[in-house]
Amino acid sequence: MSGAGTEGPPRTDLVEVPLDGDVDIASADEIEARIRSAEAQEPSVILIDLRQVSFLDSSGLRLILGAALRAEAAGRRLVLVRGPERVQRVFELTNLLSRLEFVDHPSLLAHPSPER
């Protein structure tokens, strides 16, 4: 069989996942579904925008780390738009600032590079 008609959705270069409010255990399932939906599009870059996030707990951190691991395994980039200071502090305290890729604004995203 040639596999015609069995391809997934068309590959896009960038899929944005804007988050807002509390990223915690109460919102984890909905956010996980949104991230998985972005992944299903098989983009070369997934951009998670944290600018409107007011709170990030360990559940939210787990979601982001899981997405980062899946992105690495799939050969794509996961880029985070920096959130407010209290959100960024979580990444600082967990020593993840150097492990994850951050930009200050979506317009500053340098397009596809497999290097970090």
Protein backbone atom coordinates (compact mmCIF):
# COMPACT_ATOMS: atom_id res chain seq x y z
CA MET A 1 0.00 0.00 0.00
CA SER A 2 1.20 3.48 -0.78
CA GLY A 3 -0.22 5.04 2.34
CA ALA A 4 -2.08 7.66 0.30
CA GLY A 5 -4.73 9.32 2.36
CA THR A 6 -3.17 8.20 5.64
CA GLU A 7 -1.05 11.24 6.27
CA GLY A 8 -1.75 13.30 9.36
CA PRO A 9 -2.68 16.96 9.31
CA PRO A 10 -0.50 19.22 7.15
CA ARG A 11 2.75 20.19 8.87
CA THR A 12 2.91 23.81 9.93
CA ASP A 13 5.99 25.72 10.93
CA LEU A 14 4.69 27.15 14.21
CA VAL A 15 1.76 26.48 16.52
CA GLU A 16 1.06 28.87 19.37
CA VAL A 17 -0.50 27.79 22.67
CA PRO A 18 -1.38 30.90 24.70
CA LEU A 19 -2.03 30.24 28.39
CA ASP A 20 -3.67 32.51 30.94
CA GLY A 21 -4.72 32.58 34.56
CA ASP A 22 -3.68 29.75 36.85
CA VAL A 23 -1.70 26.88 35.36
CA ASP A 24 -2.25 24.36 38.12
CA ILE A 25 -3.86 21.04 38.94
CA ALA A 26 -7.35 22.45 38.31
CA SER A 27 -6.48 23.49 34.74
CA ALA A 28 -3.98 20.71 33.97
CA ASP A 29 -6.28 18.46 31.91
CA GLU A 30 -7.51 21.29 29.67
CA ILE A 31 -3.98 22.64 29.14
CA GLU A 32 -2.61 19.16 28.45
CA ALA A 33 -5.29 18.69 25.77
CA ARG A 34 -4.36 22.01 24.16
CA ILE A 35 -0.67 21.13 24.09
CA ARG A 36 -1.39 17.64 22.70
CA SER A 37 -3.60 19.21 20.01
CA ALA A 38 -0.71 21.48 19.01
CA GLU A 39 1.64 18.48 18.93
CA ALA A 40 -0.77 16.56 16.68
CA GLN A 41 -0.28 19.24 14.02
CA GLU A 42 3.40 18.19 13.90
CA PRO A 43 4.85 21.71 13.75
CA SER A 44 8.57 22.35 13.80
CA VAL A 45 8.02 24.79 16.70
CA ILE A 46 5.45 24.93 19.51
CA LEU A 47 5.31 28.30 21.22
CA ILE A 48 3.73 28.35 24.69
CA ASP A 49 2.93 31.93 25.69
CA LEU A 50 3.11 32.46 29.46
CA ARG A 51 2.66 36.26 29.47
CA GLN A 52 -0.91 36.09 30.82
CA VAL A 53 -0.26 33.34 33.38
CA SER A 54 -0.82 34.54 36.95
CA PHE A 55 0.19 31.34 38.78
CA LEU A 56 2.23 28.24 37.94
CA ASP A 57 2.43 25.26 40.30
CA SER A 58 4.19 21.90 40.07
CA SER A 59 1.36 20.47 37.93
CA GLY A 60 1.85 23.22 35.38
CA LEU A 61 5.59 22.75 35.49
CA ARG A 62 5.12 19.01 34.89
CA LEU A 63 2.98 19.78 31.79
CA ILE A 64 5.66 22.05 30.35
CA LEU A 65 8.46 19.60 31.09
CA GLY A 66 6.49 16.76 29.53
CA ALA A 67 5.89 18.85 26.42
CA ALA A 68 9.61 19.71 26.29
CA LEU A 69 10.59 16.04 26.47
CA ARG A 70 8.09 15.08 23.77
CA ALA A 71 9.31 17.95 21.57
CA GLU A 72 12.90 16.82 21.94
CA ALA A 73 11.96 13.22 21.09
CA ALA A 74 10.03 14.42 18.01
CA GLY A 75 12.83 16.69 16.81
CA ARG A 76 10.88 19.89 17.30
CA ARG A 77 11.46 23.00 19.38
CA LEU A 78 9.37 23.98 22.36
CA VAL A 79 9.73 27.70 23.04
CA LEU A 80 8.23 29.54 25.99
CA VAL A 81 7.35 33.23 25.98
CA ARG A 82 8.45 34.51 29.39
CA GLY A 83 5.71 35.06 31.90
CA PRO A 84 5.45 37.54 34.77
CA GLU A 85 8.22 37.57 37.36
CA ARG A 86 6.39 35.23 39.77
CA VAL A 87 5.97 32.65 36.98
CA GLN A 88 9.59 32.96 35.83
CA ARG A 89 10.69 32.53 39.43
CA VAL A 90 9.36 28.95 39.37
CA PHE A 91 11.68 28.15 36.46
CA GLU A 92 14.56 29.87 38.24
CA LEU A 93 14.03 28.00 41.54
CA THR A 94 13.83 24.65 39.73
CA ASN A 95 16.97 25.42 37.72
CA LEU A 96 15.08 25.09 34.42
CA LEU A 97 15.95 28.45 32.86
CA SER A 98 18.91 26.88 31.08
CA ARG A 99 17.05 23.64 30.20
CA LEU A 100 14.12 25.30 28.42
CA GLU A 101 14.14 27.81 25.57
CA PHE A 102 12.63 31.23 26.40
CA VAL A 103 11.95 34.38 24.41
CA ASP A 104 10.67 37.74 25.67
CA HIS A 105 8.09 38.11 22.89
CA PRO A 106 6.78 35.83 20.12
CA SER A 107 8.18 38.20 17.49
CA LEU A 108 11.69 37.46 18.79
CA LEU A 109 11.46 33.78 17.94
CA ALA A 110 14.29 32.80 15.63
CA HIS A 111 12.90 30.29 13.17
CA PRO A 112 13.73 26.77 12.99
CA SER A 113 16.98 25.71 14.38
CA PRO A 114 17.55 22.25 15.80
CA GLU A 115 20.15 23.72 18.13
CA ARG A 116 19.21 25.22 21.49
